[in-house]
Amino acid sequence: MYILLDDKTGGIYAVNNDDTGVKTVQIFVDKEDAERYNLMLEAVDFSRRLEITEVELELVVQNCQVHEYDYVIINPDDVVVPPL
């Protein structure tokens, strides 16, 4: 499993849900999908530099629960695009 981390702070990248105010961490099954998403973020001039990091699912889920974040697992057949 792969997530995106802020290159400077080490903070995990999460998408903010405007309706609920809850942040959602995207956990990618395939590294290539995480890389593709990161490239899309760069294309829309996302302000922070992110790196792809391999993680254990249980660790991310635990961290999300502690910080009251939602999470979603992005499978290879899922299509996700960054918020504009």
N, C-alpha and C. Protein backbone atom coordinates (compact mmCIF):
# COMPACT_ATOMS: atom_id res chain seq x y z
N MET A 1 0.84 -1.17 0.00
CA MET A 1 0.00 0.00 0.00
C MET A 1 0.89 1.24 0.00
N TYR A 2 0.37 2.31 -0.61
CA TYR A 2 1.16 3.53 -0.78
C TYR A 2 0.33 4.77 -0.43
N ILE A 3 0.99 5.74 0.17
CA ILE A 3 0.37 7.02 0.48
C ILE A 3 1.29 8.13 0.01
N LEU A 4 0.77 9.34 0.01
CA LEU A 4 1.57 10.51 -0.34
C LEU A 4 1.90 11.28 0.94
N LEU A 5 3.17 11.61 1.09
CA LEU A 5 3.63 12.37 2.26
C LEU A 5 4.25 13.68 1.82
N ASP A 6 4.05 14.71 2.63
CA ASP A 6 4.67 16.00 2.39
C ASP A 6 6.18 15.83 2.52
N ASP A 7 6.90 16.27 1.50
CA ASP A 7 8.36 16.10 1.44
C ASP A 7 9.08 16.81 2.59
N LYS A 8 8.57 17.96 3.03
CA LYS A 8 9.25 18.74 4.07
C LYS A 8 8.81 18.35 5.48
N THR A 9 7.50 18.21 5.69
CA THR A 9 7.00 17.99 7.05
C THR A 9 6.80 16.52 7.39
N GLY A 10 6.68 15.67 6.37
CA GLY A 10 6.38 14.26 6.62
C GLY A 10 4.91 14.02 6.90
N GLY A 11 4.10 15.08 6.80
CA GLY A 11 2.66 14.93 7.02
C GLY A 11 1.99 14.19 5.87
N ILE A 12 0.97 13.46 6.20
CA ILE A 12 0.27 12.67 5.19
C ILE A 12 -0.67 13.57 4.37
N TYR A 13 -0.73 13.32 3.08
CA TYR A 13 -1.63 14.06 2.20
C TYR A 13 -3.05 13.53 2.40
N ALA A 14 -3.99 14.44 2.60
CA ALA A 14 -5.39 14.07 2.75
C ALA A 14 -6.25 15.09 2.02
N VAL A 15 -7.35 14.61 1.47
CA VAL A 15 -8.30 15.47 0.76
C VAL A 15 -9.35 15.92 1.76
N ASN A 16 -9.66 17.20 1.76
CA ASN A 16 -10.67 17.73 2.68
C ASN A 16 -12.06 17.61 2.05
N ASN A 17 -13.00 17.02 2.77
CA ASN A 17 -14.38 16.93 2.33
C ASN A 17 -15.07 18.24 2.72
N ASP A 18 -15.42 19.05 1.73
CA ASP A 18 -16.02 20.36 2.00
C ASP A 18 -17.37 20.24 2.71
N ASP A 19 -18.10 19.15 2.48
CA ASP A 19 -19.42 18.99 3.09
C ASP A 19 -19.33 18.66 4.58
N THR A 20 -18.40 17.78 4.95
CA THR A 20 -18.32 17.33 6.34
C THR A 20 -17.16 17.94 7.11
N GLY A 21 -16.17 18.48 6.40
CA GLY A 21 -14.99 19.02 7.05
C GLY A 21 -13.99 17.95 7.47
N VAL A 22 -14.27 16.69 7.15
CA VAL A 22 -13.40 15.58 7.52
C VAL A 22 -12.39 15.35 6.41
N LYS A 23 -11.15 15.12 6.79
CA LYS A 23 -10.11 14.82 5.81
C LYS A 23 -10.09 13.32 5.51
N THR A 24 -9.78 13.00 4.26
CA THR A 24 -9.72 11.60 3.83
C THR A 24 -8.35 11.30 3.26
N VAL A 25 -7.72 10.28 3.81
CA VAL A 25 -6.42 9.81 3.34
C VAL A 25 -6.66 8.79 2.24
N GLN A 26 -5.97 8.95 1.15
CA GLN A 26 -6.06 8.01 0.04
C GLN A 26 -4.92 7.00 0.16
N ILE A 27 -5.27 5.73 0.19
CA ILE A 27 -4.30 4.65 0.29
C ILE A 27 -4.35 3.90 -1.04
N PHE A 28 -3.25 3.94 -1.76
CA PHE A 28 -3.20 3.34 -3.09
C PHE A 28 -2.66 1.91 -3.00
N VAL A 29 -3.33 0.98 -3.68
CA VAL A 29 -2.87 -0.41 -3.72
C VAL A 29 -1.60 -0.50 -4.58
N ASP A 30 -1.61 0.19 -5.71
CA ASP A 30 -0.47 0.14 -6.64
C ASP A 30 0.34 1.43 -6.60
N LYS A 31 1.63 1.27 -6.59
CA LYS A 31 2.53 2.43 -6.57
C LYS A 31 2.34 3.30 -7.81
N GLU A 32 2.10 2.68 -8.96
CA GLU A 32 1.93 3.44 -10.20
C GLU A 32 0.73 4.37 -10.11
N ASP A 33 -0.33 3.95 -9.44
CA ASP A 33 -1.50 4.81 -9.29
C ASP A 33 -1.18 6.00 -8.39
N ALA A 34 -0.41 5.77 -7.34
CA ALA A 34 0.02 6.87 -6.46
C ALA A 34 0.90 7.84 -7.24
N GLU A 35 1.79 7.32 -8.06
CA GLU A 35 2.65 8.18 -8.87
C GLU A 35 1.83 9.01 -9.85
N ARG A 36 0.84 8.39 -10.47
CA ARG A 36 -0.01 9.08 -11.43
C ARG A 36 -0.80 10.20 -10.74
N TYR A 37 -1.33 9.91 -9.57
CA TYR A 37 -2.08 10.92 -8.82
C TYR A 37 -1.16 12.09 -8.43
N ASN A 38 0.04 11.77 -8.02
CA ASN A 38 1.00 12.81 -7.66
C ASN A 38 1.33 13.69 -8.86
N LEU A 39 1.46 13.10 -10.03
CA LEU A 39 1.70 13.88 -11.25
C LEU A 39 0.52 14.79 -11.57
N MET A 40 -0.69 14.29 -11.33
CA MET A 40 -1.88 15.13 -11.56
C MET A 40 -1.89 16.31 -10.59
N LEU A 41 -1.48 16.08 -9.34
CA LEU A 41 -1.39 17.19 -8.38
C LEU A 41 -0.39 18.24 -8.85
N GLU A 42 0.75 17.78 -9.34
CA GLU A 42 1.75 18.72 -9.86
C GLU A 42 1.19 19.51 -11.04
N ALA A 43 0.39 18.85 -11.88
CA ALA A 43 -0.16 19.51 -13.06
C ALA A 43 -1.15 20.61 -12.70
N VAL A 44 -1.80 20.49 -11.54
CA VAL A 44 -2.74 21.54 -11.11
C VAL A 44 -2.06 22.50 -10.13
N ASP A 45 -0.72 22.48 -10.12
CA ASP A 45 0.09 23.39 -9.31
C ASP A 45 -0.17 23.26 -7.81
N PHE A 46 -0.29 22.02 -7.33
CA PHE A 46 -0.42 21.80 -5.89
C PHE A 46 0.80 22.39 -5.21
N SER A 47 0.60 23.09 -4.11
CA SER A 47 1.65 23.93 -3.52
C SER A 47 2.75 23.18 -2.78
N ARG A 48 2.53 21.93 -2.43
CA ARG A 48 3.55 21.20 -1.67
C ARG A 48 4.13 20.06 -2.51
N ARG A 49 5.38 19.74 -2.23
CA ARG A 49 6.03 18.63 -2.91
C ARG A 49 5.73 17.36 -2.10
N LEU A 50 5.24 16.32 -2.77
CA LEU A 50 4.87 15.08 -2.11
C LEU A 50 5.76 13.93 -2.58
N GLU A 51 5.92 12.95 -1.69
CA GLU A 51 6.66 11.75 -2.06
C GLU A 51 5.78 10.54 -1.79
N ILE A 52 5.99 9.50 -2.58
CA ILE A 52 5.22 8.27 -2.43
C ILE A 52 5.95 7.37 -1.45
N THR A 53 5.21 6.86 -0.46
CA THR A 53 5.79 6.05 0.59
C THR A 53 5.00 4.76 0.75
N GLU A 54 5.71 3.65 0.80
CA GLU A 54 5.06 2.36 1.03
C GLU A 54 4.77 2.23 2.53
N VAL A 55 3.56 1.77 2.85
CA VAL A 55 3.14 1.67 4.25
C VAL A 55 2.35 0.38 4.49
N GLU A 56 2.23 0.03 5.76
CA GLU A 56 1.36 -1.06 6.14
C GLU A 56 -0.03 -0.50 6.37
N LEU A 57 -1.02 -1.15 5.82
CA LEU A 57 -2.40 -0.67 5.90
C LEU A 57 -2.84 -0.45 7.34
N GLU A 58 -2.54 -1.38 8.22
CA GLU A 58 -2.99 -1.28 9.61
C GLU A 58 -2.44 -0.02 10.29
N LEU A 59 -1.22 0.34 9.97
CA LEU A 59 -0.60 1.52 10.56
C LEU A 59 -1.32 2.79 10.12
N VAL A 60 -1.65 2.87 8.84
CA VAL A 60 -2.35 4.05 8.32
C VAL A 60 -3.76 4.14 8.91
N VAL A 61 -4.45 3.02 8.98
CA VAL A 61 -5.80 3.00 9.53
C VAL A 61 -5.78 3.46 10.98
N GLN A 62 -4.83 2.96 11.75
CA GLN A 62 -4.68 3.37 13.15
C GLN A 62 -4.45 4.88 13.26
N ASN A 63 -3.56 5.39 12.43
CA ASN A 63 -3.24 6.81 12.44
C ASN A 63 -4.48 7.64 12.07
N CYS A 64 -5.24 7.18 11.10
CA CYS A 64 -6.46 7.89 10.70
C CYS A 64 -7.45 7.93 11.86
N GLN A 65 -7.59 6.83 12.57
CA GLN A 65 -8.52 6.79 13.70
C GLN A 65 -8.10 7.75 14.80
N VAL A 66 -6.81 7.81 15.08
CA VAL A 66 -6.30 8.70 16.13
C VAL A 66 -6.57 10.16 15.77
N HIS A 67 -6.39 10.52 14.50
CA HIS A 67 -6.53 11.91 14.07
C HIS A 67 -7.93 12.23 13.53
N GLU A 68 -8.84 11.25 13.64
CA GLU A 68 -10.22 11.40 13.17
C GLU A 68 -10.30 11.75 11.69
N TYR A 69 -9.49 11.07 10.90
CA TYR A 69 -9.54 11.18 9.44
C TYR A 69 -10.28 9.96 8.90
N ASP A 70 -10.91 10.14 7.76
CA ASP A 70 -11.43 9.00 7.01
C ASP A 70 -10.30 8.48 6.14
N TYR A 71 -10.48 7.32 5.58
CA TYR A 71 -9.52 6.80 4.61
C TYR A 71 -10.27 6.02 3.54
N VAL A 72 -9.64 5.92 2.39
CA VAL A 72 -10.22 5.17 1.29
C VAL A 72 -9.08 4.41 0.61
N ILE A 73 -9.37 3.18 0.23
CA ILE A 73 -8.38 2.38 -0.48
C ILE A 73 -8.65 2.52 -1.97
N ILE A 74 -7.63 2.95 -2.70
CA ILE A 74 -7.74 3.15 -4.15
C ILE A 74 -7.22 1.89 -4.84
N ASN A 75 -8.13 1.15 -5.44
CA ASN A 75 -7.77 -0.07 -6.16
C ASN A 75 -7.35 0.25 -7.59
N PRO A 76 -6.66 -0.67 -8.26
CA PRO A 76 -6.18 -0.40 -9.61
C PRO A 76 -7.26 -0.01 -10.62
N ASP A 77 -8.49 -0.45 -10.43
CA ASP A 77 -9.55 -0.12 -11.38
C ASP A 77 -10.34 1.12 -11.00
N ASP A 78 -9.94 1.80 -9.91
CA ASP A 78 -10.58 3.05 -9.50
C ASP A 78 -9.99 4.24 -10.25
N VAL A 79 -10.83 5.22 -10.49
CA VAL A 79 -10.37 6.46 -11.13
C VAL A 79 -10.54 7.60 -10.11
N VAL A 80 -9.43 8.25 -9.79
CA VAL A 80 -9.46 9.38 -8.87
C VAL A 80 -8.71 10.54 -9.48
N VAL A 81 -9.24 11.72 -9.26
CA VAL A 81 -8.56 12.94 -9.73
C VAL A 81 -8.48 13.92 -8.57
N PRO A 82 -7.44 14.71 -8.51
CA PRO A 82 -7.30 15.68 -7.42
C PRO A 82 -8.38 16.74 -7.47
N PRO A 83 -8.74 17.28 -6.32
CA PRO A 83 -9.69 18.40 -6.31
C PRO A 83 -9.03 19.62 -6.94
N LEU A 84 -9.82 20.42 -7.61
CA LEU A 84 -9.29 21.61 -8.26
C LEU A 84 -9.43 22.82 -7.38
